[in-house]
Protein backbone atom coordinates (compact mmCIF):
# COMPACT_ATOMS: atom_id res chain seq x y z
CA MET A 1 -42.94 -16.05 13.92
CA LYS A 2 -41.15 -13.73 11.48
CA LYS A 3 -40.31 -11.35 14.33
CA LEU A 4 -38.91 -14.25 16.37
CA LEU A 5 -36.75 -15.42 13.47
CA SER A 6 -35.51 -11.89 12.90
CA LEU A 7 -34.64 -11.56 16.56
CA LEU A 8 -32.78 -14.89 16.55
CA PHE A 9 -30.87 -13.87 13.42
CA PHE A 10 -29.89 -10.56 15.04
CA LEU A 11 -28.73 -12.32 18.20
CA CYS A 12 -26.64 -14.77 16.17
CA VAL A 13 -24.99 -11.98 14.22
CA PHE A 14 -24.45 -9.97 17.40
CA SER A 15 -22.95 -12.98 19.20
CA PHE A 16 -20.63 -13.67 16.26
CA ALA A 17 -19.50 -10.03 16.22
CA GLN A 18 -18.91 -10.16 19.97
CA ALA A 19 -16.80 -13.31 19.55
CA GLN A 20 -14.41 -11.64 17.12
CA TYR A 21 -11.17 -10.60 18.80
CA PHE A 22 -9.57 -7.25 18.03
CA PRO A 23 -6.30 -6.37 19.79
CA GLU A 24 -5.97 -3.30 21.94
CA LYS A 25 -3.20 -0.83 21.26
CA GLY A 26 0.17 -2.19 22.35
CA ASN A 27 -1.18 -5.64 23.16
CA TRP A 28 -1.90 -8.52 20.81
CA GLU A 29 -2.85 -11.75 22.55
CA LYS A 30 -0.70 -14.76 21.83
CA ALA A 31 -1.84 -18.37 21.79
CA LEU A 32 -0.11 -21.70 21.66
CA PRO A 33 -0.53 -23.14 18.17
CA SER A 34 -1.69 -26.45 19.66
CA ASN A 35 -4.50 -24.67 21.51
CA MET A 36 -5.62 -23.21 18.16
CA GLY A 37 -5.78 -26.62 16.49
CA MET A 38 -2.48 -26.18 14.68
CA ASN A 39 0.42 -28.57 14.23
CA GLU A 40 3.15 -26.93 16.26
CA ALA A 41 6.03 -28.75 14.58
CA ALA A 42 4.73 -27.83 11.13
CA LEU A 43 4.34 -24.18 12.14
CA LYS A 44 7.88 -24.14 13.52
CA LYS A 45 9.05 -25.46 10.16
CA ALA A 46 7.42 -22.44 8.49
CA VAL A 47 9.03 -19.98 10.91
CA ASP A 48 12.42 -21.65 10.53
CA PHE A 49 12.03 -21.41 6.76
CA ALA A 50 11.41 -17.66 6.96
CA ILE A 51 14.44 -17.13 9.20
CA ALA A 52 16.71 -19.26 7.01
CA HIS A 53 15.60 -17.57 3.81
CA GLU A 54 16.40 -13.97 4.66
CA SER A 55 16.93 -11.74 1.64
CA ASP A 56 20.53 -11.56 0.49
CA ALA A 57 20.12 -7.95 -0.68
CA ASN A 58 22.30 -5.43 1.12
CA PRO A 59 20.66 -4.32 4.42
CA ASN A 60 21.78 -0.76 3.64
CA LEU A 61 18.83 0.09 1.42
CA LYS A 62 20.68 2.91 -0.34
CA VAL A 63 23.38 0.47 -1.42
CA ALA A 64 20.73 -2.13 -2.31
CA HIS A 65 18.99 0.49 -4.44
CA TYR A 66 22.10 1.17 -6.50
CA GLU A 67 22.89 -2.54 -6.78
CA SER A 68 19.42 -3.17 -8.21
CA GLY A 69 18.00 -2.14 -11.55
CA PHE A 70 16.40 0.89 -9.90
CA GLY A 71 19.78 2.52 -9.39
CA ARG A 72 20.52 2.22 -13.11
CA GLU A 73 17.34 3.96 -14.23
CA PRO A 74 17.41 7.45 -15.70
CA PHE A 75 17.03 9.83 -12.73
CA GLY A 76 17.29 6.75 -10.48
CA TYR A 77 18.89 8.45 -7.47
CA PRO A 78 16.87 8.45 -4.21
CA ILE A 79 15.35 11.77 -3.14
CA GLY A 80 13.60 10.56 0.00
CA PRO A 81 14.79 9.07 3.30
CA MET A 82 15.93 5.45 3.49
CA LYS A 83 17.26 3.45 6.44
CA THR A 84 19.19 0.26 7.03
CA ARG A 85 16.74 -2.61 7.38
CA GLY A 86 16.50 -5.17 10.14
CA PRO A 87 16.58 -8.98 9.99
CA ALA A 88 14.01 -11.24 8.41
CA SER A 89 10.95 -10.68 10.59
CA GLY A 90 7.31 -11.60 10.63
CA LEU A 91 4.09 -12.54 12.38
CA ILE A 92 1.46 -15.23 11.95
CA ILE A 93 -2.04 -14.25 13.08
CA TYR A 94 -4.52 -17.15 13.13
CA LYS A 95 -8.12 -16.64 14.18
CA GLY A 96 -7.07 -13.30 15.63
CA LYS A 97 -4.28 -14.59 17.87
CA VAL A 98 -0.51 -14.43 17.41
CA VAL A 99 0.65 -18.02 16.94
CA GLY A 100 4.09 -17.31 15.51
CA GLN A 101 6.69 -14.59 15.22
CA TRP A 102 10.34 -14.22 14.27
CA GLY A 103 13.04 -11.61 13.91
CA ASP A 104 12.29 -8.14 15.24
CA PRO A 105 8.62 -7.32 14.55
CA ASP A 106 8.89 -4.16 16.68
CA ARG A 107 11.46 -2.63 14.34
CA VAL A 108 10.26 0.27 12.18
CA ASP A 109 11.37 -0.40 8.60
CA LEU A 110 10.46 0.71 5.11
CA THR A 111 7.61 -1.29 3.62
CA PHE A 112 8.10 -0.11 0.04
CA SER A 113 5.02 -0.61 -2.18
CA VAL A 114 2.76 -1.70 0.66
CA ALA A 115 2.49 2.07 1.13
CA LYS A 116 0.30 2.02 -1.98
CA SER A 117 -2.38 0.14 -0.02
CA PHE A 118 -2.44 2.92 2.56
CA LEU A 119 -2.63 5.46 -0.28
CA SER A 120 -5.57 3.77 -1.99
CA THR A 121 -7.27 3.60 1.41
CA THR A 122 -7.18 7.40 1.63
CA ALA A 123 -8.87 7.48 -1.78
CA GLY A 124 -11.63 5.21 -0.45
CA LEU A 125 -12.06 7.52 2.53
CA ALA A 126 -12.32 10.49 0.14
CA VAL A 127 -15.18 8.74 -1.68
CA ARG A 128 -16.87 7.99 1.64
CA GLU A 129 -16.55 11.63 2.71
CA GLY A 130 -17.93 12.89 -0.61
CA LEU A 131 -14.67 14.56 -1.61
CA ILE A 132 -14.73 12.28 -4.67
CA ARG A 133 -18.22 11.58 -5.94
CA ASP A 134 -17.26 8.39 -7.75
CA GLU A 135 -13.93 6.74 -8.52
CA MET A 136 -15.04 6.48 -12.15
CA ASP A 137 -15.04 10.29 -12.39
CA LEU A 138 -12.39 12.09 -14.41
CA VAL A 139 -9.70 13.50 -12.13
CA TYR A 140 -8.98 16.86 -13.76
CA PRO A 141 -12.26 18.62 -12.77
CA TYR A 142 -11.25 18.09 -9.11
CA MET A 143 -7.82 19.68 -9.52
CA ALA A 144 -6.58 23.18 -8.76
CA PRO A 145 -3.18 24.59 -9.75
CA ILE A 146 -0.34 23.24 -7.61
CA TYR A 147 1.86 25.84 -5.90
CA PRO A 148 5.26 24.17 -5.32
CA TYR A 149 7.25 25.26 -2.31
CA ASP A 150 10.78 25.87 -3.54
CA PRO A 151 12.94 28.05 -1.27
CA ALA A 152 15.56 28.33 -4.03
CA ARG A 153 13.09 30.38 -6.08
CA MET A 154 13.24 33.10 -3.45
CA MET A 155 16.91 33.67 -4.27
CA MET A 156 16.65 33.65 -8.07
CA ASN A 157 16.60 36.62 -10.40
CA LYS A 158 12.88 37.01 -11.11
CA ALA A 159 13.54 38.74 -14.43
CA ASP A 160 15.17 35.56 -15.76
CA HIS A 161 11.98 33.62 -15.12
CA VAL A 162 9.30 36.10 -16.09
CA TYR A 163 7.87 33.77 -18.74
CA GLU A 164 7.75 30.73 -16.46
CA ASP A 165 4.59 29.76 -14.60
CA ASP A 166 4.79 29.80 -10.83
CA VAL A 167 2.34 26.91 -10.59
CA PHE A 168 1.85 23.61 -12.40
CA GLU A 169 -1.12 21.50 -13.44
CA LEU A 170 -1.22 17.73 -13.00
CA PHE A 171 -3.78 17.06 -15.73
CA ASP A 172 -3.22 19.75 -18.35
CA THR A 173 -2.69 17.58 -21.46
CA GLU A 174 -5.36 16.03 -23.65
CA HIS A 175 -4.31 12.56 -22.54
CA ASN A 176 -4.15 13.39 -18.83
CA ARG A 177 -7.60 15.00 -18.91
CA SER A 178 -9.03 11.60 -19.91
CA ILE A 179 -7.74 9.85 -16.76
CA ARG A 180 -10.19 8.65 -14.11
CA TRP A 181 -9.49 8.04 -10.43
CA ASP A 182 -10.02 4.34 -11.16
CA ASP A 183 -7.19 4.41 -13.72
CA LEU A 184 -4.77 5.87 -11.18
CA LEU A 185 -5.85 3.35 -8.54
CA ARG A 186 -5.31 0.41 -10.91
CA GLN A 187 -2.03 1.74 -12.38
CA THR A 188 -3.54 1.87 -15.86
CA SER A 189 -3.56 5.66 -16.36
CA ASP A 190 -0.39 6.02 -18.48
CA TRP A 191 -0.22 9.58 -17.08
CA GLU A 192 2.37 11.64 -18.95
CA GLY A 193 4.68 14.18 -17.41
CA THR A 194 7.30 14.78 -14.74
CA LEU A 195 6.69 15.05 -11.01
CA TRP A 196 9.27 15.78 -8.32
CA GLY A 197 12.04 15.54 -10.94
CA LYS A 198 11.03 12.03 -12.02
CA PRO A 199 9.57 11.73 -15.56
CA ASP A 200 7.02 8.97 -16.13
CA TRP A 201 9.23 7.42 -18.82
CA GLY A 202 12.19 7.19 -16.44
CA ASP A 203 10.52 4.64 -14.14
CA ARG A 204 11.23 1.03 -15.16
CA PRO A 205 11.44 1.68 -18.94
CA SER A 206 11.43 -2.01 -19.86
CA GLU A 207 11.17 -1.31 -23.57
CA GLY A 208 14.01 1.23 -23.43
CA VAL A 209 13.97 4.97 -22.78
CA ALA A 210 13.91 6.02 -26.44
CA GLU A 211 11.10 3.60 -27.25
CA LYS A 212 9.06 4.60 -24.20
CA ARG A 213 9.45 8.29 -24.98
CA ALA A 214 8.52 7.81 -28.63
CA ARG A 215 5.43 5.66 -28.25
CA PRO A 216 1.97 7.27 -28.00
CA GLN A 217 0.28 7.23 -24.62
CA ASN A 218 -2.00 4.24 -24.07
CA ALA A 219 -5.66 5.01 -23.55
CA PRO A 220 -6.38 5.12 -19.80
CA GLY A 221 -7.57 1.79 -18.47
CA THR A 222 -6.11 -0.32 -21.27
CA VAL A 223 -2.53 -1.10 -20.19
CA TYR A 224 -1.16 -1.83 -16.71
CA GLU A 225 2.23 -0.42 -15.78
CA TYR A 226 3.82 -0.36 -12.35
CA ASN A 227 5.05 3.21 -12.19
CA ASP A 228 5.82 5.21 -9.05
CA THR A 229 5.70 8.60 -10.76
CA ARG A 230 2.02 7.97 -11.45
CA VAL A 231 1.49 6.69 -7.91
CA ASN A 232 2.91 9.99 -6.68
CA VAL A 233 0.49 11.80 -8.99
CA LEU A 234 -2.37 10.07 -7.16
CA ALA A 235 -0.88 11.05 -3.80
CA LEU A 236 -0.64 14.71 -4.83
CA ALA A 237 -4.14 14.67 -6.35
CA LEU A 238 -5.55 13.28 -3.09
CA LEU A 239 -3.67 15.89 -1.06
CA ASN A 240 -5.26 18.50 -3.31
CA ILE A 241 -8.79 17.39 -2.40
CA TRP A 242 -8.22 16.52 1.26
CA ARG A 243 -6.42 19.86 1.77
CA LYS A 244 -4.40 18.35 4.61
CA PRO A 245 -1.50 15.89 4.85
CA LEU A 246 -2.42 12.33 3.95
CA PRO A 247 -0.58 10.93 7.03
CA THR A 248 -2.95 13.05 9.13
CA VAL A 249 -5.93 11.56 7.27
CA LEU A 250 -4.60 8.03 7.73
CA LYS A 251 -3.83 8.54 11.42
CA GLU A 252 -7.26 9.95 12.24
CA HIS A 253 -9.38 7.54 10.23
CA ILE A 254 -7.38 4.30 10.24
CA MET A 255 -4.21 3.97 12.30
CA ASP A 256 -5.49 5.34 15.61
CA PRO A 257 -8.80 3.41 15.46
CA ILE A 258 -6.99 0.09 14.80
CA GLY A 259 -4.60 0.70 17.68
CA ALA A 260 -1.46 1.16 15.60
CA SER A 261 1.64 2.29 17.44
CA ASP A 262 2.92 5.85 17.45
CA THR A 263 6.11 4.82 15.65
CA TRP A 264 4.95 4.67 12.01
CA ARG A 265 5.91 7.47 9.64
CA TRP A 266 4.77 8.25 6.08
CA THR A 267 7.03 10.67 4.24
CA GLY A 268 7.61 12.12 0.82
CA TYR A 269 10.67 13.51 -0.94
CA GLU A 270 13.03 16.34 -0.11
CA ASN A 271 11.43 18.36 -2.94
CA SER A 272 7.77 17.26 -2.71
CA TYR A 273 6.46 20.24 -0.74
CA ILE A 274 3.60 22.48 -1.84
CA ASN A 275 1.95 25.62 -0.53
CA LEU A 276 -1.68 24.74 0.24
CA ASP A 277 -4.03 27.10 2.04
CA GLY A 278 -1.07 29.04 3.37
CA GLN A 279 0.63 25.96 4.81
CA ILE A 280 3.75 24.15 3.61
CA ILE A 281 2.73 20.49 3.23
CA GLN A 282 4.74 17.53 2.02
CA SER A 283 3.12 15.29 -0.58
CA VAL A 284 3.91 11.70 0.39
CA SER A 285 5.47 8.97 -1.70
CA GLY A 286 3.31 5.98 -2.62
CA GLY A 287 6.32 3.69 -2.35
CA SER A 288 10.02 3.79 -1.54
CA HIS A 289 11.36 3.36 -5.05
CA TRP A 290 13.19 6.70 -4.67
CA GLY A 291 13.08 6.74 -0.87
CA GLY A 292 10.34 8.04 1.35
CA GLY A 293 7.09 6.15 1.75
CA MET A 294 5.80 4.25 4.76
CA MET A 295 8.01 3.17 7.64
CA LEU A 296 6.31 0.98 10.23
CA SER A 297 6.63 -2.15 12.34
CA ALA A 298 5.44 -5.64 11.46
CA TRP A 299 2.85 -5.26 14.24
CA ASP A 300 1.34 -2.23 12.49
CA GLN A 301 1.45 -4.05 9.16
CA ALA A 302 -0.45 -6.92 10.79
CA ARG A 303 -3.12 -4.57 12.14
CA PHE A 304 -3.72 -3.15 8.67
CA GLY A 305 -3.85 -6.66 7.22
CA TYR A 306 -6.30 -7.69 9.94
CA LEU A 307 -8.47 -4.70 9.05
CA THR A 308 -8.60 -5.74 5.39
CA LEU A 309 -9.25 -9.35 6.46
CA HIS A 310 -12.41 -8.04 8.14
CA ASN A 311 -13.46 -6.04 5.08
CA GLY A 312 -12.59 -2.69 6.64
CA ASN A 313 -14.41 -3.34 9.93
CA TRP A 314 -12.62 -3.03 13.24
CA ASN A 315 -14.45 -4.15 16.34
CA GLY A 316 -17.84 -3.12 14.98
CA LYS A 317 -16.72 0.14 13.33
CA GLN A 318 -16.65 0.26 9.53
CA LEU A 319 -13.43 2.24 9.05
CA ILE A 320 -13.13 1.54 5.32
CA PRO A 321 -16.38 1.10 3.39
CA GLU A 322 -16.98 -2.59 2.73
CA SER A 323 -17.82 -1.65 -0.85
CA TRP A 324 -14.37 -0.08 -1.22
CA ILE A 325 -12.66 -3.26 -0.02
CA ALA A 326 -14.75 -5.21 -2.55
CA LYS A 327 -13.66 -2.85 -5.33
CA SER A 328 -10.05 -3.09 -4.14
CA LYS A 329 -10.27 -6.85 -4.69
CA THR A 330 -12.00 -6.59 -8.07
CA PRO A 331 -9.64 -7.70 -10.88
CA THR A 332 -8.26 -5.03 -13.18
CA PRO A 333 -9.21 -5.87 -16.80
CA ALA A 334 -5.66 -5.09 -18.02
CA LYS A 335 -4.17 -7.19 -15.18
CA PRO A 336 -6.62 -9.67 -13.66
CA ASP A 337 -4.43 -10.52 -10.67
CA TYR A 338 -4.38 -6.91 -9.46
CA GLY A 339 -7.10 -4.78 -7.91
CA PHE A 340 -6.72 -1.27 -6.54
CA MET A 341 -3.13 -0.60 -5.52
CA ASN A 342 -1.68 -2.55 -3.73
CA TYR A 343 -4.05 -5.53 -3.65
CA PHE A 344 -2.46 -8.51 -5.38
CA LEU A 345 -5.08 -11.18 -6.05
CA ASN A 346 -4.70 -14.95 -6.00
CA ASN A 347 -7.77 -15.62 -8.15
CA ASP A 348 -5.84 -17.78 -10.63
CA GLN A 349 -3.74 -19.33 -7.80
CA LYS A 350 -0.53 -18.75 -9.75
CA ALA A 351 1.21 -16.40 -7.33
CA ILE A 352 0.57 -18.60 -4.28
CA PRO A 353 -0.69 -22.00 -5.55
CA ALA A 354 -1.33 -23.48 -2.10
CA ALA A 355 -3.53 -20.56 -1.04
CA PRO A 356 -7.28 -20.27 -1.71
CA SER A 357 -8.39 -18.20 -4.67
CA ASN A 358 -9.93 -15.51 -2.44
CA ALA A 359 -6.64 -14.83 -0.66
CA PHE A 360 -4.86 -11.58 -1.47
CA PHE A 361 -1.70 -9.85 -0.38
CA HIS A 362 -0.21 -6.39 -0.05
CA LEU A 363 3.29 -6.64 -1.50
CA GLY A 364 6.37 -4.45 -1.45
CA ALA A 365 10.01 -4.87 -2.42
CA GLY A 366 12.24 -6.47 0.10
CA VAL A 367 10.11 -8.63 0.13
CA ASN A 368 7.51 -7.03 2.41
CA MET A 369 4.27 -9.03 2.33
CA ILE A 370 1.00 -8.87 4.22
CA TYR A 371 -0.83 -12.07 3.25
CA VAL A 372 -4.58 -12.01 3.95
CA ASP A 373 -6.62 -15.22 3.84
CA PRO A 374 -10.37 -14.95 4.63
CA THR A 375 -10.94 -18.70 4.14
CA ASN A 376 -8.48 -19.64 6.87
CA ASP A 377 -8.88 -16.50 9.05
CA LEU A 378 -5.17 -15.93 8.61
CA VAL A 379 -2.78 -12.98 8.28
CA ILE A 380 0.94 -13.44 7.67
CA VAL A 381 3.44 -10.59 7.74
CA ALA A 382 6.77 -11.53 6.19
CA ARG A 383 9.60 -9.05 5.85
CA TRP A 384 12.95 -9.33 4.08
CA ILE A 385 12.58 -12.69 2.37
CA PRO A 386 13.20 -13.35 -1.35
CA ASN A 387 10.13 -12.84 -3.50
CA GLY A 388 10.40 -16.39 -4.80
CA ASP A 389 10.06 -17.80 -1.27
CA LYS A 390 6.81 -16.12 -0.26
CA ALA A 391 4.61 -18.83 -1.79
CA GLU A 392 6.51 -21.60 0.00
CA LEU A 393 6.23 -19.78 3.32
CA VAL A 394 2.46 -19.48 2.94
CA LYS A 395 2.25 -23.15 1.93
CA LEU A 396 4.14 -24.23 5.05
CA VAL A 397 1.90 -22.14 7.31
CA LEU A 398 -1.23 -23.54 5.69
CA GLU A 399 0.09 -27.07 6.18
CA SER A 400 0.26 -26.39 9.92
CA ILE A 401 -3.47 -25.80 10.12
CA ASN A 402 -5.20 -29.06 11.05
CA LYS A 403 -8.31 -29.57 8.96
């Protein structure tokens, strides 16, 4: 009897897995909303809302940068590539099928801080591969000296720089040696220093530059601060242990298996090159605060969102450990609505009140949002809408689902 029950359970699980739809590369099946049990008029209202509420920020992202607070920061000038954005665009994926789209979802655009979710994924892969034993480990024992690639140094008078080191260390201060991988992933490290010409205190110094420079460093894990210099520290630290470009890691382990297009690009800065194992490699940006970062289409964003909806599993293959997805959605003590970067949680239902508490979203400036809703088997990609309108858009989509 027990064997029979076990067999029936296996067959049920197998049948359920077989019923799950995963799109092939270059082809995502569409379905009429009415055939999916949705209210077509209500869904159209949501799409019309997204189109009508396009961001009023300048489409030229360089100009938009300087018109924002970022352009007024110390050292606020971009040092990575930017491009003019497209129109408000997006996709609605319900029960695996495309039930709504708008704008130009094929267009490759910057996704800003959503790049952080791809970055933290490469950390999860490093744990899976044994390159990091545990994310609670201190980072500095894993680190070797960094050899920057700077062609200008070849032309300088060596005698003028005889007392300067030719390498640098990422974790060579007492404070930085106390930082764990988990602290970097949750943006609670308070790492101190300068990387790629951007000092940690120059990024969003809300309390003022003088005050931020004067205060003691917070103990790792105790204070959350959104800071791209520290995100770039994580990117360089991961490059140091993977010993190959992170876009190569992401392509091999994630983007190719989920059928992403060949049009996405993940770049760093014009000065973020190092010499590693005799190769010149660019360390990528974890966002596009100063340019660089991830450029991809809404379709590729949706595929990544669909992967996280299924807890890292794609058509029977566990691409990201399920345990890593669970940790990514575990609240950060210093900021309970944030997990690993860039998982924004809806556990208190303040960010998106109409959404269930287990919903989460990958969020970047623009706004670029990948909304993931396990309760409703729903993924929404919304690009270039005001941040204040994202909750209303989700609410309208949810209202179109007949229950």
